[in-house]
């Protein structure tokens, strides 16, 4: 999707960057447009390698609070995922505060599979079960602090960190006025009133938080399998149950979902009433992100309308459910 945050580089600039980073030039390049925030190119290098270049928005562009140092988050998450045995596109080179272009960039090994968003393969239940196993392994990685360390939005408890994450996003609406289904202070109050459910989470776990089908690459040679999970830039340290939000975006997590069955093959997971309340909190948070992020990105209206409408409906529904659950807890 087109976005104001995506920078444009000429062929000469791409070639110069590859020579600085990898010591070889670019034979050909193709811009990849499926992403939402960073500019992305597939580069065929003169030494025979293919890499994917991800370039952050220009440092002068004011992004959302949690988006500070997104590519540094992604680079760290990739290395942790590899250590956990989760298939990802390996990091080839990371450049931070590039002296010529400004900002950060990553070069990743190019994949030869296809995005799950572009195909409807046989055996999708089996693939979804496999995805659940991979996510359980990723979520088993633990850290020292909750939240977004590279963005400076953290807490010593999950409740503290998550409320700080929500508050930062709502504060972003002062810089980027956003049509919301309720006043910002009322939305914050709903999150705060439902936040006691977060106290069950006592260890920071690595959460990708963007595993929709567009971020899953498949190898369709022979029996379809997952080749890689990509785009780790939205990752945070928190509650593993949050991982189920994007694979079921704008929907519900069902007990008969193969994703859940695969996850439970690796680690136990019970959908208790408190866990379901937390899941509603995270659904509301994602919907809020999808609405507020249009401020700095300025998506084309015809492309963004469906996503905006879905996020607005989901946020409204989750806020209503959270209010009911909070009243039930009091009663």
C-alpha atoms as a PDB file:
ATOM      1  CA  UNK A   1       0.000   0.000   0.000  1.00  0.00           C
ATOM      2  CA  UNK A   2       1.237   3.506  -0.781  1.00  0.00           C
ATOM      3  CA  UNK A   3       2.259   5.490   2.281  1.00  0.00           C
ATOM      4  CA  UNK A   4       3.853   8.872   2.975  1.00  0.00           C
ATOM      5  CA  UNK A   5       6.411   7.083   5.168  1.00  0.00           C
ATOM      6  CA  UNK A   6       7.876   5.131   2.224  1.00  0.00           C
ATOM      7  CA  UNK A   7      10.985   6.746   0.808  1.00  0.00           C
ATOM      8  CA  UNK A   8      11.954   6.572  -2.851  1.00  0.00           C
ATOM      9  CA  UNK A   9      15.524   5.753  -3.892  1.00  0.00           C
ATOM     10  CA  UNK A  10      16.962   5.926  -7.386  1.00  0.00           C
ATOM     11  CA  UNK A  11      18.809   3.014  -8.963  1.00  0.00           C
ATOM     12  CA  UNK A  12      22.062   4.865  -8.327  1.00  0.00           C
ATOM     13  CA  UNK A  13      21.229   5.337  -4.633  1.00  0.00           C
ATOM     14  CA  UNK A  14      20.322   1.651  -4.231  1.00  0.00           C
ATOM     15  CA  UNK A  15      23.592   0.672  -5.912  1.00  0.00           C
ATOM     16  CA  UNK A  16      25.643   2.983  -3.693  1.00  0.00           C
ATOM     17  CA  UNK A  17      23.950   1.666  -0.541  1.00  0.00           C
ATOM     18  CA  UNK A  18      24.625  -1.963  -1.519  1.00  0.00           C
ATOM     19  CA  UNK A  19      28.273  -1.162  -2.210  1.00  0.00           C
ATOM     20  CA  UNK A  20      28.665   0.533   1.181  1.00  0.00           C
ATOM     21  CA  UNK A  21      26.909  -2.276   3.030  1.00  0.00           C
ATOM     22  CA  UNK A  22      27.960  -5.417   1.174  1.00  0.00           C
ATOM     23  CA  UNK A  23      30.805  -4.444  -1.136  1.00  0.00           C
ATOM     24  CA  UNK A  24      28.910  -5.265  -4.304  1.00  0.00           C
ATOM     25  CA  UNK A  25      26.632  -3.382  -6.676  1.00  0.00           C
ATOM     26  CA  UNK A  26      23.027  -3.900  -7.768  1.00  0.00           C
ATOM     27  CA  UNK A  27      22.322  -5.631 -11.080  1.00  0.00           C
ATOM     28  CA  UNK A  28      18.564  -5.010 -10.890  1.00  0.00           C
ATOM     29  CA  UNK A  29      15.963  -3.911  -8.357  1.00  0.00           C
ATOM     30  CA  UNK A  30      12.225  -4.267  -7.822  1.00  0.00           C
ATOM     31  CA  UNK A  31      10.210  -2.302  -5.299  1.00  0.00           C
ATOM     32  CA  UNK A  32       7.935  -4.492  -3.164  1.00  0.00           C
ATOM     33  CA  UNK A  33       4.735  -2.623  -2.354  1.00  0.00           C
ATOM     34  CA  UNK A  34       2.788  -4.974  -0.079  1.00  0.00           C
ATOM     35  CA  UNK A  35       4.081  -3.443   3.166  1.00  0.00           C
ATOM     36  CA  UNK A  36       2.612  -0.472   4.982  1.00  0.00           C
ATOM     37  CA  UNK A  37       5.419   1.536   6.628  1.00  0.00           C
ATOM     38  CA  UNK A  38       8.956   0.947   5.377  1.00  0.00           C
ATOM     39  CA  UNK A  39      10.102   1.156   1.776  1.00  0.00           C
ATOM     40  CA  UNK A  40      11.171  -2.306   0.552  1.00  0.00           C
ATOM     41  CA  UNK A  41      13.113  -3.460  -2.509  1.00  0.00           C
ATOM     42  CA  UNK A  42      14.291  -6.824  -3.776  1.00  0.00           C
ATOM     43  CA  UNK A  43      17.848  -6.400  -5.039  1.00  0.00           C
ATOM     44  CA  UNK A  44      19.661  -8.753  -7.387  1.00  0.00           C
ATOM     45  CA  UNK A  45      23.308  -8.147  -6.538  1.00  0.00           C
ATOM     46  CA  UNK A  46      26.236  -8.309  -8.909  1.00  0.00           C
ATOM     47  CA  UNK A  47      27.793 -11.114  -6.833  1.00  0.00           C
ATOM     48  CA  UNK A  48      24.777 -13.367  -7.521  1.00  0.00           C
ATOM     49  CA  UNK A  49      22.943 -12.926  -4.219  1.00  0.00           C
ATOM     50  CA  UNK A  50      19.368 -11.690  -3.865  1.00  0.00           C
ATOM     51  CA  UNK A  51      18.533  -9.589  -0.819  1.00  0.00           C
ATOM     52  CA  UNK A  52      15.573  -7.611   0.430  1.00  0.00           C
ATOM     53  CA  UNK A  53      16.300  -4.046   1.518  1.00  0.00           C
ATOM     54  CA  UNK A  54      14.034  -2.452   4.129  1.00  0.00           C
ATOM     55  CA  UNK A  55      14.547   1.291   4.569  1.00  0.00           C
ATOM     56  CA  UNK A  56      13.034   3.198   7.477  1.00  0.00           C
ATOM     57  CA  UNK A  57      11.124   6.447   6.944  1.00  0.00           C
ATOM     58  CA  UNK A  58      13.258   9.575   6.868  1.00  0.00           C
ATOM     59  CA  UNK A  59      14.337  10.486  10.423  1.00  0.00           C
ATOM     60  CA  UNK A  60      12.735  13.925  10.035  1.00  0.00           C
ATOM     61  CA  UNK A  61       9.292  12.327   9.651  1.00  0.00           C
ATOM     62  CA  UNK A  62       7.396  12.277  12.937  1.00  0.00           C
ATOM     63  CA  UNK A  63       6.105   8.714  13.384  1.00  0.00           C
ATOM     64  CA  UNK A  64       3.989   7.135  16.098  1.00  0.00           C
ATOM     65  CA  UNK A  65       5.626   6.791  19.502  1.00  0.00           C
ATOM     66  CA  UNK A  66       5.931   2.996  19.389  1.00  0.00           C
ATOM     67  CA  UNK A  67       7.441   3.157  15.895  1.00  0.00           C
ATOM     68  CA  UNK A  68      10.737   4.644  17.057  1.00  0.00           C
ATOM     69  CA  UNK A  69      13.598   2.375  15.941  1.00  0.00           C
ATOM     70  CA  UNK A  70      11.259  -0.151  14.320  1.00  0.00           C
ATOM     71  CA  UNK A  71      13.992  -1.788  12.276  1.00  0.00           C
ATOM     72  CA  UNK A  72      16.195  -2.215  15.339  1.00  0.00           C
ATOM     73  CA  UNK A  73      13.290  -4.057  16.939  1.00  0.00           C
ATOM     74  CA  UNK A  74      12.995  -6.222  13.843  1.00  0.00           C
ATOM     75  CA  UNK A  75      16.710  -7.050  13.710  1.00  0.00           C
ATOM     76  CA  UNK A  76      16.719  -8.122  17.368  1.00  0.00           C
ATOM     77  CA  UNK A  77      13.537 -10.194  16.936  1.00  0.00           C
ATOM     78  CA  UNK A  78      14.948 -11.983  13.872  1.00  0.00           C
ATOM     79  CA  UNK A  79      18.027 -13.136  15.761  1.00  0.00           C
ATOM     80  CA  UNK A  80      15.916 -14.309  18.700  1.00  0.00           C
ATOM     81  CA  UNK A  81      13.522 -16.138  16.380  1.00  0.00           C
ATOM     82  CA  UNK A  82      16.403 -17.965  14.686  1.00  0.00           C
ATOM     83  CA  UNK A  83      17.666 -19.035  18.092  1.00  0.00           C
ATOM     84  CA  UNK A  84      14.213 -20.398  18.905  1.00  0.00           C
ATOM     85  CA  UNK A  85      14.063 -22.459  15.701  1.00  0.00           C
ATOM     86  CA  UNK A  86      11.416 -20.282  14.040  1.00  0.00           C
ATOM     87  CA  UNK A  87      11.775 -19.938  10.239  1.00  0.00           C
ATOM     88  CA  UNK A  88      12.567 -16.343   9.228  1.00  0.00           C
ATOM     89  CA  UNK A  89      14.447 -14.506   6.500  1.00  0.00           C
ATOM     90  CA  UNK A  90      18.008 -14.277   7.917  1.00  0.00           C
ATOM     91  CA  UNK A  91      19.564 -10.873   8.480  1.00  0.00           C
ATOM     92  CA  UNK A  92      22.428 -10.175   6.041  1.00  0.00           C
ATOM     93  CA  UNK A  93      23.340  -6.668   7.185  1.00  0.00           C
ATOM     94  CA  UNK A  94      21.951  -3.965   9.483  1.00  0.00           C
ATOM     95  CA  UNK A  95      22.768  -0.284   9.076  1.00  0.00           C
ATOM     96  CA  UNK A  96      21.767   2.262  11.700  1.00  0.00           C
ATOM     97  CA  UNK A  97      21.850   6.048  11.338  1.00  0.00           C
ATOM     98  CA  UNK A  98      23.189   5.738   7.815  1.00  0.00           C
ATOM     99  CA  UNK A  99      25.454   8.747   7.202  1.00  0.00           C
ATOM    100  CA  UNK A 100      24.310   9.228   3.595  1.00  0.00           C
ATOM    101  CA  UNK A 101      20.580   8.485   3.620  1.00  0.00           C
ATOM    102  CA  UNK A 102      19.841   9.024   7.286  1.00  0.00           C
ATOM    103  CA  UNK A 103      17.805   6.547   9.294  1.00  0.00           C
ATOM    104  CA  UNK A 104      18.116   2.763   9.544  1.00  0.00           C
ATOM    105  CA  UNK A 105      17.981  -0.061   7.038  1.00  0.00           C
ATOM    106  CA  UNK A 106      18.112  -3.852   7.014  1.00  0.00           C
ATOM    107  CA  UNK A 107      19.206  -6.259   4.305  1.00  0.00           C
ATOM    108  CA  UNK A 108      17.628  -9.700   4.558  1.00  0.00           C
ATOM    109  CA  UNK A 109      18.141 -12.875   2.580  1.00  0.00           C
ATOM    110  CA  UNK A 110      15.516 -12.965  -0.177  1.00  0.00           C
ATOM    111  CA  UNK A 111      12.911 -15.717  -0.016  1.00  0.00           C
ATOM    112  CA  UNK A 112      11.899 -17.868  -2.975  1.00  0.00           C
ATOM    113  CA  UNK A 113       8.476 -18.802  -1.587  1.00  0.00           C
ATOM    114  CA  UNK A 114       5.155 -17.023  -1.977  1.00  0.00           C
ATOM    115  CA  UNK A 115       3.088 -14.936   0.400  1.00  0.00           C
ATOM    116  CA  UNK A 116       0.166 -16.881   1.889  1.00  0.00           C
ATOM    117  CA  UNK A 117      -1.916 -13.811   1.092  1.00  0.00           C
ATOM    118  CA  UNK A 118      -1.410 -14.410  -2.637  1.00  0.00           C
ATOM    119  CA  UNK A 119      -2.380 -18.093  -2.851  1.00  0.00           C
ATOM    120  CA  UNK A 120      -4.914 -20.557  -1.512  1.00  0.00           C
ATOM    121  CA  UNK A 121      -2.860 -23.735  -1.060  1.00  0.00           C
ATOM    122  CA  UNK A 122      -4.097 -27.219  -0.316  1.00  0.00           C
ATOM    123  CA  UNK A 123      -3.977 -28.250   3.321  1.00  0.00           C
ATOM    124  CA  UNK A 124      -4.519 -24.838   4.911  1.00  0.00           C
ATOM    125  CA  UNK A 125      -5.548 -26.438   8.209  1.00  0.00           C
ATOM    126  CA  UNK A 126      -2.185 -28.209   8.353  1.00  0.00           C
ATOM    127  CA  UNK A 127      -0.378 -24.971   7.570  1.00  0.00           C
ATOM    128  CA  UNK A 128      -2.319 -23.161  10.250  1.00  0.00           C
ATOM    129  CA  UNK A 129      -1.393 -25.890  12.727  1.00  0.00           C
ATOM    130  CA  UNK A 130       2.265 -25.560  11.702  1.00  0.00           C
ATOM    131  CA  UNK A 131       2.027 -21.795  12.199  1.00  0.00           C
ATOM    132  CA  UNK A 132       0.716 -22.364  15.712  1.00  0.00           C
ATOM    133  CA  UNK A 133       3.783 -24.463  16.554  1.00  0.00           C
ATOM    134  CA  UNK A 134       6.121 -21.767  15.241  1.00  0.00           C
ATOM    135  CA  UNK A 135       4.352 -19.050  17.220  1.00  0.00           C
ATOM    136  CA  UNK A 136       4.548 -21.099  20.418  1.00  0.00           C
ATOM    137  CA  UNK A 137       8.314 -21.439  19.950  1.00  0.00           C
ATOM    138  CA  UNK A 138       8.665 -17.712  19.297  1.00  0.00           C
ATOM    139  CA  UNK A 139       6.567 -16.819  22.342  1.00  0.00           C
ATOM    140  CA  UNK A 140       8.716 -19.109  24.506  1.00  0.00           C
ATOM    141  CA  UNK A 141      11.545 -16.553  24.199  1.00  0.00           C
ATOM    142  CA  UNK A 142      11.595 -14.456  27.373  1.00  0.00           C
ATOM    143  CA  UNK A 143      13.098 -11.084  28.183  1.00  0.00           C
ATOM    144  CA  UNK A 144      13.894  -8.732  31.042  1.00  0.00           C
ATOM    145  CA  UNK A 145      11.372  -5.929  30.540  1.00  0.00           C
ATOM    146  CA  UNK A 146       7.831  -5.525  29.228  1.00  0.00           C
ATOM    147  CA  UNK A 147       6.870  -3.337  26.277  1.00  0.00           C
ATOM    148  CA  UNK A 148       8.893  -1.777  23.441  1.00  0.00           C
ATOM    149  CA  UNK A 149      12.483  -1.321  24.680  1.00  0.00           C
ATOM    150  CA  UNK A 150      13.762   0.301  21.482  1.00  0.00           C
ATOM    151  CA  UNK A 151      10.928   2.845  21.583  1.00  0.00           C
ATOM    152  CA  UNK A 152      11.405   3.528  25.289  1.00  0.00           C
ATOM    153  CA  UNK A 153       7.857   2.438  26.169  1.00  0.00           C
ATOM    154  CA  UNK A 154       8.380  -0.131  28.922  1.00  0.00           C
ATOM    155  CA  UNK A 155       7.244  -1.222  32.367  1.00  0.00           C
ATOM    156  CA  UNK A 156       8.313  -3.484  35.181  1.00  0.00           C
ATOM    157  CA  UNK A 157       4.885  -5.183  35.047  1.00  0.00           C
ATOM    158  CA  UNK A 158       2.804  -6.092  32.032  1.00  0.00           C
ATOM    159  CA  UNK A 159      -0.080  -3.937  33.238  1.00  0.00           C
ATOM    160  CA  UNK A 160       2.218  -0.917  33.565  1.00  0.00           C
ATOM    161  CA  UNK A 161       3.812  -1.484  30.155  1.00  0.00           C
ATOM    162  CA  UNK A 162       0.587  -2.184  28.272  1.00  0.00           C
ATOM    163  CA  UNK A 163      -1.181   0.859  29.666  1.00  0.00           C
ATOM    164  CA  UNK A 164       1.880   2.911  28.721  1.00  0.00           C
ATOM    165  CA  UNK A 165       1.659   1.480  25.190  1.00  0.00           C
ATOM    166  CA  UNK A 166      -2.016   2.453  24.935  1.00  0.00           C
ATOM    167  CA  UNK A 167      -1.412   5.889  26.476  1.00  0.00           C
ATOM    168  CA  UNK A 168       1.402   6.592  23.997  1.00  0.00           C
ATOM    169  CA  UNK A 169      -0.866   5.702  21.102  1.00  0.00           C
ATOM    170  CA  UNK A 170      -3.683   7.885  22.392  1.00  0.00           C
ATOM    171  CA  UNK A 171      -1.198  10.738  22.945  1.00  0.00           C
ATOM    172  CA  UNK A 172      -0.226  10.365  19.280  1.00  0.00           C
ATOM    173  CA  UNK A 173      -3.751  11.465  18.344  1.00  0.00           C
ATOM    174  CA  UNK A 174      -2.863  14.943  19.621  1.00  0.00           C
ATOM    175  CA  UNK A 175      -0.247  15.190  16.850  1.00  0.00           C
ATOM    176  CA  UNK A 176      -2.327  13.267  14.347  1.00  0.00           C
ATOM    177  CA  UNK A 177      -6.046  13.902  14.981  1.00  0.00           C
ATOM    178  CA  UNK A 178      -7.829  10.606  14.392  1.00  0.00           C
ATOM    179  CA  UNK A 179     -11.576   9.883  14.059  1.00  0.00           C
ATOM    180  CA  UNK A 180     -12.303   7.480  16.922  1.00  0.00           C
ATOM    181  CA  UNK A 181     -15.619   5.833  17.877  1.00  0.00           C
ATOM    182  CA  UNK A 182     -15.375   7.282  21.412  1.00  0.00           C
ATOM    183  CA  UNK A 183     -13.499  10.184  23.004  1.00  0.00           C
ATOM    184  CA  UNK A 184      -9.840   9.369  23.635  1.00  0.00           C
ATOM    185  CA  UNK A 185     -10.108   9.782  27.419  1.00  0.00           C
ATOM    186  CA  UNK A 186     -13.083   7.420  27.514  1.00  0.00           C
ATOM    187  CA  UNK A 187     -11.170   4.801  25.514  1.00  0.00           C
ATOM    188  CA  UNK A 188      -8.235   5.077  27.913  1.00  0.00           C
ATOM    189  CA  UNK A 189     -10.600   4.609  30.856  1.00  0.00           C
ATOM    190  CA  UNK A 190     -11.958   1.384  29.347  1.00  0.00           C
ATOM    191  CA  UNK A 191      -8.432  -0.014  29.030  1.00  0.00           C
ATOM    192  CA  UNK A 192      -7.598   1.011  32.597  1.00  0.00           C
ATOM    193  CA  UNK A 193     -10.767  -0.502  34.070  1.00  0.00           C
ATOM    194  CA  UNK A 194     -10.119  -3.844  32.357  1.00  0.00           C
ATOM    195  CA  UNK A 195      -6.384  -3.865  33.123  1.00  0.00           C
ATOM    196  CA  UNK A 196      -6.459  -6.042  36.297  1.00  0.00           C
ATOM    197  CA  UNK A 197      -6.721  -9.052  33.952  1.00  0.00           C
ATOM    198  CA  UNK A 198      -3.182  -8.248  32.793  1.00  0.00           C
ATOM    199  CA  UNK A 199      -1.715  -9.062  36.196  1.00  0.00           C
ATOM    200  CA  UNK A 200      -1.769 -12.788  35.365  1.00  0.00           C
ATOM    201  CA  UNK A 201       1.173 -12.147  33.002  1.00  0.00           C
ATOM    202  CA  UNK A 202       4.353 -12.083  35.075  1.00  0.00           C
ATOM    203  CA  UNK A 203       7.092 -12.875  32.513  1.00  0.00           C
ATOM    204  CA  UNK A 204       7.886 -10.863  29.351  1.00  0.00           C
ATOM    205  CA  UNK A 205       7.500 -13.090  26.273  1.00  0.00           C
ATOM    206  CA  UNK A 206       8.469 -12.172  22.711  1.00  0.00           C
ATOM    207  CA  UNK A 207       5.332 -11.422  20.678  1.00  0.00           C
ATOM    208  CA  UNK A 208       5.440 -10.786  16.919  1.00  0.00           C
ATOM    209  CA  UNK A 209       1.972  -9.143  16.858  1.00  0.00           C
ATOM    210  CA  UNK A 210       1.713  -8.949  13.076  1.00  0.00           C
ATOM    211  CA  UNK A 211       1.273 -12.532  11.886  1.00  0.00           C
ATOM    212  CA  UNK A 212      -1.405 -12.082   9.254  1.00  0.00           C
ATOM    213  CA  UNK A 213      -1.195 -14.196   6.089  1.00  0.00           C
ATOM    214  CA  UNK A 214       0.690 -11.476   4.222  1.00  0.00           C
ATOM    215  CA  UNK A 215       3.583 -11.932   6.651  1.00  0.00           C
ATOM    216  CA  UNK A 216       3.813 -15.705   6.210  1.00  0.00           C
ATOM    217  CA  UNK A 217       5.747 -17.105   3.235  1.00  0.00           C
ATOM    218  CA  UNK A 218       5.025 -20.593   1.959  1.00  0.00           C
ATOM    219  CA  UNK A 219       7.121 -23.185   0.169  1.00  0.00           C
ATOM    220  CA  UNK A 220       4.721 -24.887  -2.244  1.00  0.00           C
ATOM    221  CA  UNK A 221       7.183 -27.394  -3.649  1.00  0.00           C
ATOM    222  CA  UNK A 222       5.727 -30.722  -2.609  1.00  0.00           C
ATOM    223  CA  UNK A 223       3.570 -30.648   0.507  1.00  0.00           C
ATOM    224  CA  UNK A 224       2.970 -26.965   1.358  1.00  0.00           C
ATOM    225  CA  UNK A 225       4.924 -25.766   4.386  1.00  0.00           C
ATOM    226  CA  UNK A 226       5.814 -22.471   6.013  1.00  0.00           C
ATOM    227  CA  UNK A 227       9.080 -21.095   4.681  1.00  0.00           C
ATOM    228  CA  UNK A 228       9.325 -17.991   6.867  1.00  0.00           C
ATOM    229  CA  UNK A 229       7.509 -15.526   9.087  1.00  0.00           C
ATOM    230  CA  UNK A 230       8.490 -11.986   8.115  1.00  0.00           C
ATOM    231  CA  UNK A 231       8.084  -8.359   9.287  1.00  0.00           C
ATOM    232  CA  UNK A 232       8.989  -8.521  12.971  1.00  0.00           C
ATOM    233  CA  UNK A 233       9.082  -4.752  13.411  1.00  0.00           C
ATOM    234  CA  UNK A 234       5.918  -4.539  15.560  1.00  0.00           C
ATOM    235  CA  UNK A 235       7.273  -7.082  18.062  1.00  0.00           C
ATOM    236  CA  UNK A 236       7.072  -6.392  21.792  1.00  0.00           C
ATOM    237  CA  UNK A 237       7.678  -8.131  25.104  1.00  0.00           C
ATOM    238  CA  UNK A 238       4.409  -9.110  26.739  1.00  0.00           C
ATOM    239  CA  UNK A 239       1.611 -11.641  26.811  1.00  0.00           C
ATOM    240  CA  UNK A 240       1.696 -14.634  24.416  1.00  0.00           C
ATOM    241  CA  UNK A 241      -2.109 -14.588  24.086  1.00  0.00           C
ATOM    242  CA  UNK A 242      -1.679 -11.335  22.112  1.00  0.00           C
ATOM    243  CA  UNK A 243      -0.142 -13.398  19.298  1.00  0.00           C
ATOM    244  CA  UNK A 244      -3.584 -14.675  18.324  1.00  0.00           C
ATOM    245  CA  UNK A 245      -4.931 -11.227  17.426  1.00  0.00           C
ATOM    246  CA  UNK A 246      -3.524 -10.798  13.917  1.00  0.00           C
ATOM    247  CA  UNK A 247      -3.988 -14.400  12.676  1.00  0.00           C
ATOM    248  CA  UNK A 248      -7.698 -13.950  13.513  1.00  0.00           C
ATOM    249  CA  UNK A 249      -7.902 -10.231  12.695  1.00  0.00           C
ATOM    250  CA  UNK A 250     -11.410  -8.785  13.035  1.00  0.00           C
ATOM    251  CA  UNK A 251     -12.630 -12.259  14.006  1.00  0.00           C
ATOM    252  CA  UNK A 252     -12.633 -14.631  16.977  1.00  0.00           C
ATOM    253  CA  UNK A 253     -10.268 -17.323  18.225  1.00  0.00           C
ATOM    254  CA  UNK A 254     -12.202 -20.579  18.177  1.00  0.00           C
ATOM    255  CA  UNK A 255     -11.335 -23.627  20.256  1.00  0.00           C
ATOM    256  CA  UNK A 256     -11.355 -25.735  17.070  1.00  0.00           C
ATOM    257  CA  UNK A 257      -8.870 -23.456  15.258  1.00  0.00           C
ATOM    258  CA  UNK A 258      -5.905 -25.549  14.001  1.00  0.00           C
ATOM    259  CA  UNK A 259      -3.676 -22.609  14.959  1.00  0.00           C
ATOM    260  CA  UNK A 260      -4.575 -23.168  18.602  1.00  0.00           C
ATOM    261  CA  UNK A 261      -4.122 -26.931  18.313  1.00  0.00           C
ATOM    262  CA  UNK A 262      -0.618 -26.472  16.873  1.00  0.00           C
ATOM    263  CA  UNK A 263       0.284 -24.010  19.591  1.00  0.00           C
ATOM    264  CA  UNK A 264      -0.812 -26.498  22.253  1.00  0.00           C
ATOM    265  CA  UNK A 265       1.417 -29.175  20.721  1.00  0.00           C
ATOM    266  CA  UNK A 266       4.338 -27.087  21.980  1.00  0.00           C
ATOM    267  CA  UNK A 267       3.015 -25.513  25.181  1.00  0.00           C
ATOM    268  CA  UNK A 268      -0.198 -25.583  27.220  1.00  0.00           C
ATOM    269  CA  UNK A 269      -2.634 -22.716  26.696  1.00  0.00           C
ATOM    270  CA  UNK A 270      -6.046 -22.362  28.334  1.00  0.00           C
ATOM    271  CA  UNK A 271      -8.569 -19.784  27.163  1.00  0.00           C
ATOM    272  CA  UNK A 272      -9.749 -18.751  30.612  1.00  0.00           C
ATOM    273  CA  UNK A 273     -12.195 -15.841  31.065  1.00  0.00           C
ATOM    274  CA  UNK A 274      -9.241 -13.634  32.076  1.00  0.00           C
ATOM    275  CA  UNK A 275      -7.292 -14.722  28.985  1.00  0.00           C
ATOM    276  CA  UNK A 276     -10.257 -13.850  26.760  1.00  0.00           C
ATOM    277  CA  UNK A 277     -10.501 -10.419  28.411  1.00  0.00           C
ATOM    278  CA  UNK A 278      -6.822  -9.880  27.696  1.00  0.00           C
ATOM    279  CA  UNK A 279      -7.372 -10.957  24.103  1.00  0.00           C
ATOM    280  CA  UNK A 280     -10.113  -8.318  23.794  1.00  0.00           C
ATOM    281  CA  UNK A 281      -7.701  -5.715  25.189  1.00  0.00           C
ATOM    282  CA  UNK A 282      -5.136  -6.605  22.544  1.00  0.00           C
ATOM    283  CA  UNK A 283      -7.731  -6.606  19.759  1.00  0.00           C
ATOM    284  CA  UNK A 284      -8.775  -3.118  20.830  1.00  0.00           C
ATOM    285  CA  UNK A 285      -5.127  -2.027  20.905  1.00  0.00           C
ATOM    286  CA  UNK A 286      -4.453  -3.316  17.382  1.00  0.00           C
ATOM    287  CA  UNK A 287      -7.589  -1.610  16.060  1.00  0.00           C
ATOM    288  CA  UNK A 288      -6.435   1.624  17.658  1.00  0.00           C
ATOM    289  CA  UNK A 289      -3.039   1.258  15.942  1.00  0.00           C
ATOM    290  CA  UNK A 290      -4.695   0.729  12.560  1.00  0.00           C
ATOM    291  CA  UNK A 291      -6.692   3.933  12.986  1.00  0.00           C
ATOM    292  CA  UNK A 292      -3.988   6.191  14.412  1.00  0.00           C
ATOM    293  CA  UNK A 293      -1.216   5.096  12.032  1.00  0.00           C
ATOM    294  CA  UNK A 294      -2.975   6.710   9.094  1.00  0.00           C
ATOM    295  CA  UNK A 295      -1.872  10.058  10.539  1.00  0.00           C
ATOM    296  CA  UNK A 296       1.812   9.831   9.621  1.00  0.00           C
ATOM    297  CA  UNK A 297       1.320   7.403   6.739  1.00  0.00           C
ATOM    298  CA  UNK A 298      -1.566   9.091   4.859  1.00  0.00           C
ATOM    299  CA  UNK A 299      -2.799   6.029   3.001  1.00  0.00           C
ATOM    300  CA  UNK A 300      -4.762   6.486  -0.232  1.00  0.00           C
ATOM    301  CA  UNK A 301      -8.417   6.710   0.756  1.00  0.00           C
ATOM    302  CA  UNK A 302      -9.627   4.064  -1.681  1.00  0.00           C
ATOM    303  CA  UNK A 303      -7.064   1.553  -0.349  1.00  0.00           C
ATOM    304  CA  UNK A 304      -7.447   2.409   3.323  1.00  0.00           C
ATOM    305  CA  UNK A 305     -11.240   2.678   3.638  1.00  0.00           C
ATOM    306  CA  UNK A 306     -11.891  -1.040   4.152  1.00  0.00           C
ATOM    307  CA  UNK A 307      -9.147  -1.385   6.766  1.00  0.00           C
ATOM    308  CA  UNK A 308     -10.294   1.763   8.576  1.00  0.00           C
ATOM    309  CA  UNK A 309     -13.920   0.606   8.651  1.00  0.00           C
ATOM    310  CA  UNK A 310     -12.962  -2.842   9.934  1.00  0.00           C
ATOM    311  CA  UNK A 311     -10.757  -1.353  12.646  1.00  0.00           C
ATOM    312  CA  UNK A 312     -13.481   1.073  13.712  1.00  0.00           C
ATOM    313  CA  UNK A 313     -16.052  -1.711  14.032  1.00  0.00           C
ATOM    314  CA  UNK A 314     -13.622  -3.945  15.890  1.00  0.00           C
ATOM    315  CA  UNK A 315     -12.571  -1.193  18.309  1.00  0.00           C
ATOM    316  CA  UNK A 316     -16.208  -0.360  19.042  1.00  0.00           C
ATOM    317  CA  UNK A 317     -17.098  -4.016  19.655  1.00  0.00           C
ATOM    318  CA  UNK A 318     -14.060  -4.661  21.862  1.00  0.00           C
ATOM    319  CA  UNK A 319     -14.651  -1.543  23.962  1.00  0.00           C
ATOM    320  CA  UNK A 320     -18.257  -2.617  24.533  1.00  0.00           C
ATOM    321  CA  UNK A 321     -17.150  -6.112  25.548  1.00  0.00           C
ATOM    322  CA  UNK A 322     -14.466  -4.776  27.857  1.00  0.00           C
ATOM    323  CA  UNK A 323     -16.978  -2.518  29.589  1.00  0.00           C
ATOM    324  CA  UNK A 324     -19.260  -5.508  30.154  1.00  0.00           C
ATOM    325  CA  UNK A 325     -16.421  -7.665  31.459  1.00  0.00           C
ATOM    326  CA  UNK A 326     -15.287  -4.913  33.826  1.00  0.00           C
ATOM    327  CA  UNK A 327     -18.819  -4.509  35.187  1.00  0.00           C
ATOM    328  CA  UNK A 328     -19.083  -8.283  35.577  1.00  0.00           C
ATOM    329  CA  UNK A 329     -15.840  -8.364  37.557  1.00  0.00           C
ATOM    330  CA  UNK A 330     -17.189  -5.660  39.887  1.00  0.00           C
ATOM    331  CA  UNK A 331     -20.468  -7.492  40.309  1.00  0.00           C
END
